[in-house]
Amino acid sequence: QVQLVESGGGLVQPGGSLRLSCAASESIFSFNTMGWYRQAPGKQRELVAVRPRWGSRNYADSVKGRFTISVDNAKNMVYLQMDSLKPEDTAVYYCKADRANGDYWGQGTQVTVSS
C-alpha cells in the first residue's frame, strides 16, 4: 500500500513562505505524476501544481510565479515551495501520486495565512 505523508504546514503571515514536503513510501519513479492539491473550507479540492514524470510542470493560475514544485528522486520526496503567501492560500494541502493502477493521497497538512 502506497503511503504519502505531508509535512511543513503551519501558520504564516501574508507575504511569508513555507515549504511543504511529501514523503512517498515507494520510488517516485513508479508514478506517472506527482502533485499538490488544496481544499479550502466550503470549497472543492483543486489542483495547485503537478510534476509529470515526463513533460512540464503545471501550476494553477492563482499560484504561478509564487509556488514551485520539485522532487528529490533519491529521497522519494516531493516539495512545494510557497512564497508571497496570501490569505486566500489558506487550505489543507494534499500530496497526490498517480499511476496506471490508481491514485494515492496523503492525509493533508494545514496551511493558514493570517496576520
PDB file of N, CA and C in Angstrom:
ATOM      1  N   GLN A   1       0.842  -1.183   0.000  1.00  0.00           N
ATOM      2  CA  GLN A   1       0.000   0.000   0.000  1.00  0.00           C
ATOM      3  C   GLN A   1       0.884   1.242   0.000  1.00  0.00           C
ATOM      4  N   VAL A   2       0.652   2.100  -0.974  1.00  0.00           N
ATOM      5  CA  VAL A   2       1.429   3.328  -1.082  1.00  0.00           C
ATOM      6  C   VAL A   2       1.041   4.283   0.033  1.00  0.00           C
ATOM      7  N   GLN A   3       2.032   4.865   0.652  1.00  0.00           N
ATOM      8  CA  GLN A   3       1.789   5.884   1.674  1.00  0.00           C
ATOM      9  C   GLN A   3       2.461   7.190   1.274  1.00  0.00           C
ATOM     10  N   LEU A   4       1.717   8.275   1.441  1.00  0.00           N
ATOM     11  CA  LEU A   4       2.234   9.617   1.213  1.00  0.00           C
ATOM     12  C   LEU A   4       2.019  10.397   2.498  1.00  0.00           C
ATOM     13  N   VAL A   5       3.067  11.000   3.005  1.00  0.00           N
ATOM     14  CA  VAL A   5       2.983  11.717   4.274  1.00  0.00           C
ATOM     15  C   VAL A   5       3.459  13.148   4.073  1.00  0.00           C
ATOM     16  N   GLU A   6       2.533  14.093   4.266  1.00  0.00           N
ATOM     17  CA  GLU A   6       2.867  15.503   4.112  1.00  0.00           C
ATOM     18  C   GLU A   6       3.344  16.088   5.436  1.00  0.00           C
ATOM     19  N   SER A   7       4.140  17.127   5.331  1.00  0.00           N
ATOM     20  CA  SER A   7       4.578  17.880   6.496  1.00  0.00           C
ATOM     21  C   SER A   7       4.949  19.287   6.063  1.00  0.00           C
ATOM     22  N   GLY A   8       5.120  20.169   7.039  1.00  0.00           N
ATOM     23  CA  GLY A   8       5.583  21.516   6.736  1.00  0.00           C
ATOM     24  C   GLY A   8       4.528  22.596   6.795  1.00  0.00           C
ATOM     25  N   GLY A   9       3.282  22.219   7.026  1.00  0.00           N
ATOM     26  CA  GLY A   9       2.239  23.226   7.120  1.00  0.00           C
ATOM     27  C   GLY A   9       2.352  24.021   8.412  1.00  0.00           C
ATOM     28  N   GLY A  10       1.525  25.061   8.513  1.00  0.00           N
ATOM     29  CA  GLY A  10       1.529  25.885   9.715  1.00  0.00           C
ATOM     30  C   GLY A  10       0.892  27.221   9.485  1.00  0.00           C
ATOM     31  N   LEU A  11       1.106  28.119  10.450  1.00  0.00           N
ATOM     32  CA  LEU A  11       0.579  29.475  10.384  1.00  0.00           C
ATOM     33  C   LEU A  11       1.676  30.410   9.908  1.00  0.00           C
ATOM     34  N   VAL A  12       1.358  31.237   8.921  1.00  0.00           N
ATOM     35  CA  VAL A  12       2.339  32.174   8.392  1.00  0.00           C
ATOM     36  C   VAL A  12       1.639  33.488   8.065  1.00  0.00           C
ATOM     37  N   GLN A  13       2.380  34.573   8.170  1.00  0.00           N
ATOM     38  CA  GLN A  13       1.801  35.878   7.861  1.00  0.00           C
ATOM     39  C   GLN A  13       1.753  36.101   6.350  1.00  0.00           C
ATOM     40  N   PRO A  14       0.838  36.936   5.897  1.00  0.00           N
ATOM     41  CA  PRO A  14       0.811  37.268   4.471  1.00  0.00           C
ATOM     42  C   PRO A  14       2.169  37.777   3.997  1.00  0.00           C
ATOM     43  N   GLY A  15       2.573  37.305   2.827  1.00  0.00           N
ATOM     44  CA  GLY A  15       3.877  37.651   2.296  1.00  0.00           C
ATOM     45  C   GLY A  15       4.973  36.688   2.689  1.00  0.00           C
ATOM     46  N   GLY A  16       4.673  35.798   3.614  1.00  0.00           N
ATOM     47  CA  GLY A  16       5.666  34.848   4.081  1.00  0.00           C
ATOM     48  C   GLY A  16       5.814  33.632   3.181  1.00  0.00           C
ATOM     49  N   SER A  17       6.653  32.698   3.631  1.00  0.00           N
ATOM     50  CA  SER A  17       6.948  31.491   2.849  1.00  0.00           C
ATOM     51  C   SER A  17       6.815  30.247   3.709  1.00  0.00           C
ATOM     52  N   LEU A  18       6.495  29.151   3.044  1.00  0.00           N
ATOM     53  CA  LEU A  18       6.503  27.825   3.657  1.00  0.00           C
ATOM     54  C   LEU A  18       6.977  26.831   2.613  1.00  0.00           C
ATOM     55  N   ARG A  19       7.565  25.736   3.081  1.00  0.00           N
ATOM     56  CA  ARG A  19       7.896  24.638   2.180  1.00  0.00           C
ATOM     57  C   ARG A  19       7.209  23.386   2.695  1.00  0.00           C
ATOM     58  N   LEU A  20       6.344  22.836   1.869  1.00  0.00           N
ATOM     59  CA  LEU A  20       5.685  21.584   2.188  1.00  0.00           C
ATOM     60  C   LEU A  20       6.508  20.416   1.653  1.00  0.00           C
ATOM     61  N   SER A  21       6.493  19.324   2.392  1.00  0.00           N
ATOM     62  CA  SER A  21       7.195  18.116   1.978  1.00  0.00           C
ATOM     63  C   SER A  21       6.225  16.954   1.919  1.00  0.00           C
ATOM     64  N   CYS A  22       6.478  16.049   1.011  1.00  0.00           N
ATOM     65  CA  CYS A  22       5.677  14.834   0.878  1.00  0.00           C
ATOM     66  C   CYS A  22       6.637  13.665   0.741  1.00  0.00           C
ATOM     67  N   ALA A  23       6.571  12.753   1.702  1.00  0.00           N
ATOM     68  CA  ALA A  23       7.417  11.574   1.682  1.00  0.00           C
ATOM     69  C   ALA A  23       6.631  10.394   1.130  1.00  0.00           C
ATOM     70  N   ALA A  24       7.150   9.775   0.087  1.00  0.00           N
ATOM     71  CA  ALA A  24       6.492   8.624  -0.538  1.00  0.00           C
ATOM     72  C   ALA A  24       7.142   7.334  -0.051  1.00  0.00           C
ATOM     73  N   SER A  25       6.314   6.294   0.123  1.00  0.00           N
ATOM     74  CA  SER A  25       6.816   5.012   0.619  1.00  0.00           C
ATOM     75  C   SER A  25       7.436   4.173  -0.490  1.00  0.00           C
ATOM     76  N   GLU A  26       7.276   4.621  -1.749  1.00  0.00           N
ATOM     77  CA  GLU A  26       7.870   3.919  -2.876  1.00  0.00           C
ATOM     78  C   GLU A  26       8.617   4.914  -3.737  1.00  0.00           C
ATOM     79  N   SER A  27       9.421   4.378  -4.628  1.00  0.00           N
ATOM     80  CA  SER A  27      10.149   5.239  -5.546  1.00  0.00           C
ATOM     81  C   SER A  27       9.177   6.077  -6.365  1.00  0.00           C
ATOM     82  N   ILE A  28       9.442   7.381  -6.429  1.00  0.00           N
ATOM     83  CA  ILE A  28       8.540   8.233  -7.202  1.00  0.00           C
ATOM     84  C   ILE A  28       8.681   8.000  -8.698  1.00  0.00           C
ATOM     85  N   PHE A  29       9.701   7.225  -9.090  1.00  0.00           N
ATOM     86  CA  PHE A  29       9.805   6.838 -10.496  1.00  0.00           C
ATOM     87  C   PHE A  29       8.650   5.931 -10.908  1.00  0.00           C
ATOM     88  N   SER A  30       7.997   5.298  -9.920  1.00  0.00           N
ATOM     89  CA  SER A  30       6.909   4.373 -10.245  1.00  0.00           C
ATOM     90  C   SER A  30       5.595   5.091 -10.532  1.00  0.00           C
ATOM     91  N   PHE A  31       5.570   6.408 -10.356  1.00  0.00           N
ATOM     92  CA  PHE A  31       4.344   7.168 -10.563  1.00  0.00           C
ATOM     93  C   PHE A  31       4.425   7.989 -11.848  1.00  0.00           C
ATOM     94  N   ASN A  32       3.278   8.145 -12.484  1.00  0.00           N
ATOM     95  CA  ASN A  32       3.223   8.957 -13.694  1.00  0.00           C
ATOM     96  C   ASN A  32       3.292  10.442 -13.366  1.00  0.00           C
ATOM     97  N   THR A  33       2.627  10.805 -12.287  1.00  0.00           N
ATOM     98  CA  THR A  33       2.537  12.211 -11.913  1.00  0.00           C
ATOM     99  C   THR A  33       2.576  12.342 -10.397  1.00  0.00           C
ATOM    100  N   MET A  34       3.289  13.354  -9.923  1.00  0.00           N
ATOM    101  CA  MET A  34       3.243  13.753  -8.521  1.00  0.00           C
ATOM    102  C   MET A  34       2.658  15.161  -8.488  1.00  0.00           C
ATOM    103  N   GLY A  35       1.814  15.423  -7.498  1.00  0.00           N
ATOM    104  CA  GLY A  35       1.205  16.738  -7.477  1.00  0.00           C
ATOM    105  C   GLY A  35       0.772  17.170  -6.097  1.00  0.00           C
ATOM    106  N   TRP A  36       0.443  18.446  -6.032  1.00  0.00           N
ATOM    107  CA  TRP A  36      -0.113  19.041  -4.828  1.00  0.00           C
ATOM    108  C   TRP A  36      -1.490  19.607  -5.148  1.00  0.00           C
ATOM    109  N   TYR A  37      -2.428  19.362  -4.247  1.00  0.00           N
ATOM    110  CA  TYR A  37      -3.778  19.887  -4.346  1.00  0.00           C
ATOM    111  C   TYR A  37      -4.108  20.565  -3.025  1.00  0.00           C
ATOM    112  N   ARG A  38      -5.162  21.364  -3.033  1.00  0.00           N
ATOM    113  CA  ARG A  38      -5.583  22.001  -1.789  1.00  0.00           C
ATOM    114  C   ARG A  38      -7.093  22.091  -1.721  1.00  0.00           C
ATOM    115  N   GLN A  39      -7.595  22.172  -0.497  1.00  0.00           N
ATOM    116  CA  GLN A  39      -9.027  22.301  -0.290  1.00  0.00           C
ATOM    117  C   GLN A  39      -9.274  23.289   0.846  1.00  0.00           C
ATOM    118  N   ALA A  40      -9.924  24.389   0.498  1.00  0.00           N
ATOM    119  CA  ALA A  40     -10.298  25.390   1.485  1.00  0.00           C
ATOM    120  C   ALA A  40     -11.684  25.058   2.025  1.00  0.00           C
ATOM    121  N   PRO A  41     -12.024  25.555   3.220  1.00  0.00           N
ATOM    122  CA  PRO A  41     -13.342  25.266   3.799  1.00  0.00           C
ATOM    123  C   PRO A  41     -14.473  25.676   2.862  1.00  0.00           C
ATOM    124  N   GLY A  42     -15.392  24.750   2.633  1.00  0.00           N
ATOM    125  CA  GLY A  42     -16.546  25.032   1.797  1.00  0.00           C
ATOM    126  C   GLY A  42     -16.271  25.038   0.312  1.00  0.00           C
ATOM    127  N   LYS A  43     -15.058  24.664  -0.078  1.00  0.00           N
ATOM    128  CA  LYS A  43     -14.707  24.659  -1.493  1.00  0.00           C
ATOM    129  C   LYS A  43     -14.270  23.275  -1.930  1.00  0.00           C
ATOM    130  N   GLN A  44     -14.272  23.076  -3.240  1.00  0.00           N
ATOM    131  CA  GLN A  44     -13.819  21.807  -3.788  1.00  0.00           C
ATOM    132  C   GLN A  44     -12.289  21.742  -3.779  1.00  0.00           C
ATOM    133  N   ARG A  45     -11.780  20.525  -3.740  1.00  0.00           N
ATOM    134  CA  ARG A  45     -10.346  20.336  -3.842  1.00  0.00           C
ATOM    135  C   ARG A  45      -9.884  20.772  -5.231  1.00  0.00           C
ATOM    136  N   GLU A  46      -8.770  21.490  -5.276  1.00  0.00           N
ATOM    137  CA  GLU A  46      -8.284  21.999  -6.542  1.00  0.00           C
ATOM    138  C   GLU A  46      -6.804  21.706  -6.718  1.00  0.00           C
ATOM    139  N   LEU A  47      -6.416  21.637  -7.979  1.00  0.00           N
ATOM    140  CA  LEU A  47      -5.022  21.408  -8.311  1.00  0.00           C
ATOM    141  C   LEU A  47      -4.206  22.656  -8.005  1.00  0.00           C
ATOM    142  N   VAL A  48      -3.033  22.451  -7.413  1.00  0.00           N
ATOM    143  CA  VAL A  48      -2.098  23.551  -7.175  1.00  0.00           C
ATOM    144  C   VAL A  48      -0.915  23.443  -8.127  1.00  0.00           C
ATOM    145  N   ALA A  49      -0.291  22.265  -8.161  1.00  0.00           N
ATOM    146  CA  ALA A  49       0.893  22.080  -9.003  1.00  0.00           C
ATOM    147  C   ALA A  49       1.067  20.599  -9.273  1.00  0.00           C
ATOM    148  N   VAL A  50       1.475  20.281 -10.486  1.00  0.00           N
ATOM    149  CA  VAL A  50       1.753  18.890 -10.827  1.00  0.00           C
ATOM    150  C   VAL A  50       3.095  18.796 -11.526  1.00  0.00           C
ATOM    151  N   ARG A  51       3.752  17.650 -11.315  1.00  0.00           N
ATOM    152  CA  ARG A  51       5.026  17.391 -11.952  1.00  0.00           C
ATOM    153  C   ARG A  51       4.929  16.025 -12.609  1.00  0.00           C
ATOM    154  N   PRO A  52       4.651  16.006 -13.917  1.00  0.00           N
ATOM    155  CA  PRO A  52       4.600  14.730 -14.623  1.00  0.00           C
ATOM    156  C   PRO A  52       5.976  14.097 -14.677  1.00  0.00           C
ATOM    157  N   ARG A  53       6.004  12.774 -14.774  1.00  0.00           N
ATOM    158  CA  ARG A  53       7.282  12.096 -14.926  1.00  0.00           C
ATOM    159  C   ARG A  53       7.962  12.547 -16.207  1.00  0.00           C
ATOM    160  N   TRP A  54       7.149  12.752 -17.228  1.00  0.00           N
ATOM    161  CA  TRP A  54       7.640  13.331 -18.471  1.00  0.00           C
ATOM    162  C   TRP A  54       6.826  14.589 -18.758  1.00  0.00           C
ATOM    163  N   GLY A  55       7.441  15.608 -19.201  1.00  0.00           N
ATOM    164  CA  GLY A  55       6.719  16.817 -19.534  1.00  0.00           C
ATOM    165  C   GLY A  55       6.975  17.930 -18.546  1.00  0.00           C
ATOM    166  N   SER A  56       6.262  19.023 -18.769  1.00  0.00           N
ATOM    167  CA  SER A  56       6.495  20.236 -17.996  1.00  0.00           C
ATOM    168  C   SER A  56       5.649  20.273 -16.734  1.00  0.00           C
ATOM    169  N   ARG A  57       6.167  20.972 -15.761  1.00  0.00           N
ATOM    170  CA  ARG A  57       5.376  21.232 -14.573  1.00  0.00           C
ATOM    171  C   ARG A  57       4.206  22.134 -14.928  1.00  0.00           C
ATOM    172  N   ASN A  58       3.125  21.987 -14.178  1.00  0.00           N
ATOM    173  CA  ASN A  58       1.932  22.782 -14.441  1.00  0.00           C
ATOM    174  C   ASN A  58       1.420  23.352 -13.117  1.00  0.00           C
ATOM    175  N   TYR A  59       0.994  24.608 -13.168  1.00  0.00           N
ATOM    176  CA  TYR A  59       0.551  25.294 -11.958  1.00  0.00           C
ATOM    177  C   TYR A  59      -0.819  25.921 -12.162  1.00  0.00           C
ATOM    178  N   ALA A  60      -1.564  26.021 -11.072  1.00  0.00           N
ATOM    179  CA  ALA A  60      -2.801  26.791 -11.117  1.00  0.00           C
ATOM    180  C   ALA A  60      -2.460  28.255 -11.366  1.00  0.00           C
ATOM    181  N   ASP A  61      -3.303  28.940 -12.087  1.00  0.00           N
ATOM    182  CA  ASP A  61      -3.037  30.348 -12.392  1.00  0.00           C
ATOM    183  C   ASP A  61      -2.844  31.169 -11.122  1.00  0.00           C
ATOM    184  N   SER A  62      -3.561  30.811 -10.083  1.00  0.00           N
ATOM    185  CA  SER A  62      -3.531  31.600  -8.847  1.00  0.00           C
ATOM    186  C   SER A  62      -2.198  31.505  -8.109  1.00  0.00           C
ATOM    187  N   VAL A  63      -1.363  30.512  -8.462  1.00  0.00           N
ATOM    188  CA  VAL A  63      -0.088  30.345  -7.740  1.00  0.00           C
ATOM    189  C   VAL A  63       1.119  30.518  -8.651  1.00  0.00           C
ATOM    190  N   LYS A  64       0.905  30.705  -9.938  1.00  0.00           N
ATOM    191  CA  LYS A  64       2.034  30.839 -10.863  1.00  0.00           C
ATOM    192  C   LYS A  64       2.937  31.995 -10.442  1.00  0.00           C
ATOM    193  N   GLY A  65       4.231  31.729 -10.452  1.00  0.00           N
ATOM    194  CA  GLY A  65       5.192  32.740 -10.067  1.00  0.00           C
ATOM    195  C   GLY A  65       5.437  32.819  -8.570  1.00  0.00           C
ATOM    196  N   ARG A  66       4.617  32.135  -7.783  1.00  0.00           N
ATOM    197  CA  ARG A  66       4.784  32.162  -6.325  1.00  0.00           C
ATOM    198  C   ARG A  66       5.131  30.789  -5.746  1.00  0.00           C
ATOM    199  N   PHE A  67       4.603  29.727  -6.348  1.00  0.00           N
ATOM    200  CA  PHE A  67       4.816  28.367  -5.855  1.00  0.00           C
ATOM    201  C   PHE A  67       5.709  27.598  -6.837  1.00  0.00           C
ATOM    202  N   THR A  68       6.490  26.658  -6.280  1.00  0.00           N
ATOM    203  CA  THR A  68       7.353  25.823  -7.103  1.00  0.00           C
ATOM    204  C   THR A  68       7.302  24.387  -6.606  1.00  0.00           C
ATOM    205  N   ILE A  69       7.007  23.460  -7.500  1.00  0.00           N
ATOM    206  CA  ILE A  69       7.028  22.043  -7.160  1.00  0.00           C
ATOM    207  C   ILE A  69       8.361  21.457  -7.589  1.00  0.00           C
ATOM    208  N   SER A  70       8.906  20.598  -6.729  1.00  0.00           N
ATOM    209  CA  SER A  70      10.175  19.954  -7.056  1.00  0.00           C
ATOM    210  C   SER A  70      10.191  18.559  -6.442  1.00  0.00           C
ATOM    211  N   VAL A  71      11.121  17.747  -6.907  1.00  0.00           N
ATOM    212  CA  VAL A  71      11.247  16.384  -6.387  1.00  0.00           C
ATOM    213  C   VAL A  71      12.703  16.074  -6.087  1.00  0.00           C
ATOM    214  N   ASP A  72      12.872  15.146  -5.151  1.00  0.00           N
ATOM    215  CA  ASP A  72      14.186  14.573  -4.874  1.00  0.00           C
ATOM    216  C   ASP A  72      14.032  13.077  -5.079  1.00  0.00           C
ATOM    217  N   ASN A  73      14.458  12.605  -6.243  1.00  0.00           N
ATOM    218  CA  ASN A  73      14.248  11.197  -6.583  1.00  0.00           C
ATOM    219  C   ASN A  73      14.972  10.258  -5.626  1.00  0.00           C
ATOM    220  N   ALA A  74      16.132  10.641  -5.183  1.00  0.00           N
ATOM    221  CA  ALA A  74      16.915   9.770  -4.304  1.00  0.00           C
ATOM    222  C   ALA A  74      16.238   9.570  -2.949  1.00  0.00           C
ATOM    223  N   LYS A  75      15.495  10.591  -2.507  1.00  0.00           N
ATOM    224  CA  LYS A  75      14.844  10.522  -1.201  1.00  0.00           C
ATOM    225  C   LYS A  75      13.359  10.202  -1.299  1.00  0.00           C
ATOM    226  N   ASN A  76      12.850  10.051  -2.517  1.00  0.00           N
ATOM    227  CA  ASN A  76      11.408   9.821  -2.724  1.00  0.00           C
ATOM    228  C   ASN A  76      10.577  10.928  -2.083  1.00  0.00           C
ATOM    229  N   MET A  77      10.996  12.147  -2.315  1.00  0.00           N
ATOM    230  CA  MET A  77      10.343  13.310  -1.723  1.00  0.00           C
ATOM    231  C   MET A  77       9.829  14.246  -2.811  1.00  0.00           C
ATOM    232  N   VAL A  78       8.708  14.876  -2.502  1.00  0.00           N
ATOM    233  CA  VAL A  78       8.141  15.916  -3.355  1.00  0.00           C
ATOM    234  C   VAL A  78       7.956  17.149  -2.483  1.00  0.00           C
ATOM    235  N   TYR A  79       8.284  18.308  -3.024  1.00  0.00           N
ATOM    236  CA  TYR A  79       8.225  19.532  -2.255  1.00  0.00           C
ATOM    237  C   TYR A  79       7.328  20.556  -2.955  1.00  0.00           C
ATOM    238  N   LEU A  80       6.791  21.445  -2.136  1.00  0.00           N
ATOM    239  CA  LEU A  80       6.076  22.606  -2.671  1.00  0.00           C
ATOM    240  C   LEU A  80       6.594  23.830  -1.933  1.00  0.00           C
ATOM    241  N   GLN A  81       7.390  24.622  -2.633  1.00  0.00           N
ATOM    242  CA  GLN A  81       7.885  25.875  -2.075  1.00  0.00           C
ATOM    243  C   GLN A  81       6.833  26.944  -2.348  1.00  0.00           C
ATOM    244  N   MET A  82       6.360  27.578  -1.278  1.00  0.00           N
ATOM    245  CA  MET A  82       5.309  28.579  -1.396  1.00  0.00           C
ATOM    246  C   MET A  82       5.829  29.919  -0.898  1.00  0.00           C
ATOM    247  N   ASP A  83       5.907  30.873  -1.775  1.00  0.00           N
ATOM    248  CA  ASP A  83       6.372  32.212  -1.452  1.00  0.00           C
ATOM    249  C   ASP A  83       5.253  33.229  -1.664  1.00  0.00           C
ATOM    250  N   SER A  84       5.441  34.414  -1.080  1.00  0.00           N
ATOM    251  CA  SER A  84       4.459  35.505  -1.220  1.00  0.00           C
ATOM    252  C   SER A  84       3.057  35.011  -0.907  1.00  0.00           C
ATOM    253  N   LEU A  85       2.928  34.321   0.194  1.00  0.00           N
ATOM    254  CA  LEU A  85       1.640  33.711   0.546  1.00  0.00           C
ATOM    255  C   LEU A  85       0.579  34.761   0.814  1.00  0.00           C
ATOM    256  N   LYS A  86      -0.650  34.399   0.434  1.00  0.00           N
ATOM    257  CA  LYS A  86      -1.801  35.271   0.586  1.00  0.00           C
ATOM    258  C   LYS A  86      -2.844  34.588   1.465  1.00  0.00           C
ATOM    259  N   PRO A  87      -3.717  35.349   2.102  1.00  0.00           N
ATOM    260  CA  PRO A  87      -4.769  34.724   2.914  1.00  0.00           C
ATOM    261  C   PRO A  87      -5.604  33.708   2.135  1.00  0.00           C
ATOM    262  N   GLU A  88      -5.794  33.946   0.837  1.00  0.00           N
ATOM    263  CA  GLU A  88      -6.588  33.021   0.038  1.00  0.00           C
ATOM    264  C   GLU A  88      -5.866  31.705  -0.260  1.00  0.00           C
ATOM    265  N   ASP A  89      -4.604  31.604   0.149  1.00  0.00           N
ATOM    266  CA  ASP A  89      -3.888  30.332   0.032  1.00  0.00           C
ATOM    267  C   ASP A  89      -4.187  29.406   1.214  1.00  0.00           C
ATOM    268  N   THR A  90      -4.932  29.906   2.195  1.00  0.00           N
ATOM    269  CA  THR A  90      -5.284  29.087   3.353  1.00  0.00           C
ATOM    270  C   THR A  90      -6.109  27.889   2.924  1.00  0.00           C
ATOM    271  N   ALA A  91      -5.654  26.694   3.303  1.00  0.00           N
ATOM    272  CA  ALA A  91      -6.313  25.456   2.894  1.00  0.00           C
ATOM    273  C   ALA A  91      -5.573  24.275   3.509  1.00  0.00           C
ATOM    274  N   VAL A  92      -6.181  23.105   3.363  1.00  0.00           N
ATOM    275  CA  VAL A  92      -5.456  21.866   3.626  1.00  0.00           C
ATOM    276  C   VAL A  92      -4.802  21.453   2.307  1.00  0.00           C
ATOM    277  N   TYR A  93      -3.524  21.190   2.367  1.00  0.00           N
ATOM    278  CA  TYR A  93      -2.756  20.834   1.166  1.00  0.00           C
ATOM    279  C   TYR A  93      -2.486  19.324   1.171  1.00  0.00           C
ATOM    280  N   TYR A  94      -2.749  18.722   0.022  1.00  0.00           N
ATOM    281  CA  TYR A  94      -2.618  17.278  -0.132  1.00  0.00           C
ATOM    282  C   TYR A  94      -1.595  16.938  -1.204  1.00  0.00           C
ATOM    283  N   CYS A  95      -0.839  15.909  -0.944  1.00  0.00           N
ATOM    284  CA  CYS A  95       0.069  15.334  -1.926  1.00  0.00           C
ATOM    285  C   CYS A  95      -0.665  14.202  -2.640  1.00  0.00           C
ATOM    286  N   LYS A  96      -0.460  14.102  -3.939  1.00  0.00           N
ATOM    287  CA  LYS A  96      -1.108  13.048  -4.725  1.00  0.00           C
ATOM    288  C   LYS A  96      -0.099  12.417  -5.659  1.00  0.00           C
ATOM    289  N   ALA A  97      -0.207  11.103  -5.793  1.00  0.00           N
ATOM    290  CA  ALA A  97       0.612  10.369  -6.756  1.00  0.00           C
ATOM    291  C   ALA A  97      -0.315   9.492  -7.582  1.00  0.00           C
ATOM    292  N   ASP A  98      -0.059   9.396  -8.871  1.00  0.00           N
ATOM    293  CA  ASP A  98      -0.911   8.522  -9.666  1.00  0.00           C
ATOM    294  C   ASP A  98      -0.094   7.674 -10.632  1.00  0.00           C
ATOM    295  N   ARG A  99      -0.637   6.486 -10.912  1.00  0.00           N
ATOM    296  CA  ARG A  99      -0.067   5.586 -11.896  1.00  0.00           C
ATOM    297  C   ARG A  99      -1.209   4.748 -12.443  1.00  0.00           C
ATOM    298  N   ALA A 100      -0.918   3.841 -13.318  1.00  0.00           N
ATOM    299  CA  ALA A 100      -1.967   3.126 -14.045  1.00  0.00           C
ATOM    300  C   ALA A 100      -2.952   2.418 -13.123  1.00  0.00           C
ATOM    301  N   ASN A 101      -2.484   1.922 -11.989  1.00  0.00           N
ATOM    302  CA  ASN A 101      -3.369   1.131 -11.125  1.00  0.00           C
ATOM    303  C   ASN A 101      -4.056   1.953 -10.046  1.00  0.00           C
ATOM    304  N   GLY A 102      -3.946   3.278 -10.115  1.00  0.00           N
ATOM    305  CA  GLY A 102      -4.700   4.069  -9.159  1.00  0.00           C
ATOM    306  C   GLY A 102      -4.042   5.357  -8.731  1.00  0.00           C
ATOM    307  N   ASP A 103      -4.832   6.144  -7.978  1.00  0.00           N
ATOM    308  CA  ASP A 103      -4.369   7.393  -7.405  1.00  0.00           C
ATOM    309  C   ASP A 103      -4.164   7.204  -5.911  1.00  0.00           C
ATOM    310  N   TYR A 104      -3.201   7.933  -5.364  1.00  0.00           N
ATOM    311  CA  TYR A 104      -2.903   7.840  -3.944  1.00  0.00           C
ATOM    312  C   TYR A 104      -2.816   9.247  -3.358  1.00  0.00           C
ATOM    313  N   TRP A 105      -3.379   9.390  -2.150  1.00  0.00           N
ATOM    314  CA  TRP A 105      -3.415  10.696  -1.485  1.00  0.00           C
ATOM    315  C   TRP A 105      -2.789  10.621  -0.103  1.00  0.00           C
ATOM    316  N   GLY A 106      -2.176  11.724   0.303  1.00  0.00           N
ATOM    317  CA  GLY A 106      -1.734  11.835   1.672  1.00  0.00           C
ATOM    318  C   GLY A 106      -2.874  12.305   2.553  1.00  0.00           C
ATOM    319  N   GLN A 107      -2.579  12.488   3.843  1.00  0.00           N
ATOM    320  CA  GLN A 107      -3.615  12.858   4.804  1.00  0.00           C
ATOM    321  C   GLN A 107      -3.842  14.362   4.854  1.00  0.00           C
ATOM    322  N   GLY A 108      -2.933  15.128   4.283  1.00  0.00           N
ATOM    323  CA  GLY A 108      -3.084  16.577   4.219  1.00  0.00           C
ATOM    324  C   GLY A 108      -2.342  17.296   5.329  1.00  0.00           C
ATOM    325  N   THR A 109      -1.979  18.544   5.046  1.00  0.00           N
ATOM    326  CA  THR A 109      -1.344  19.400   6.040  1.00  0.00           C
ATOM    327  C   THR A 109      -1.969  20.788   5.929  1.00  0.00           C
ATOM    328  N   GLN A 110      -2.287  21.377   7.090  1.00  0.00           N
ATOM    329  CA  GLN A 110      -2.984  22.650   7.111  1.00  0.00           C
ATOM    330  C   GLN A 110      -2.015  23.799   6.916  1.00  0.00           C
ATOM    331  N   VAL A 111      -2.374  24.697   6.011  1.00  0.00           N
ATOM    332  CA  VAL A 111      -1.647  25.951   5.812  1.00  0.00           C
ATOM    333  C   VAL A 111      -2.616  27.094   6.097  1.00  0.00           C
ATOM    334  N   THR A 112      -2.242  27.956   7.018  1.00  0.00           N
ATOM    335  CA  THR A 112      -3.060  29.107   7.363  1.00  0.00           C
ATOM    336  C   THR A 112      -2.240  30.378   7.174  1.00  0.00           C
ATOM    337  N   VAL A 113      -2.751  31.274   6.346  1.00  0.00           N
ATOM    338  CA  VAL A 113      -2.070  32.546   6.075  1.00  0.00           C
ATOM    339  C   VAL A 113      -2.913  33.647   6.707  1.00  0.00           C
ATOM    340  N   SER A 114      -2.388  34.242   7.756  1.00  0.00           N
ATOM    341  CA  SER A 114      -3.151  35.234   8.507  1.00  0.00           C
ATOM    342  C   SER A 114      -2.212  36.112   9.317  1.00  0.00           C
ATOM    343  N   SER A 115      -2.624  37.354   9.479  1.00  0.00           N
ATOM    344  CA  SER A 115      -1.850  38.265  10.321  1.00  0.00           C
ATOM    345  C   SER A 115      -2.384  38.260  11.745  1.00  0.00           C
TER     346      SER A 115
END
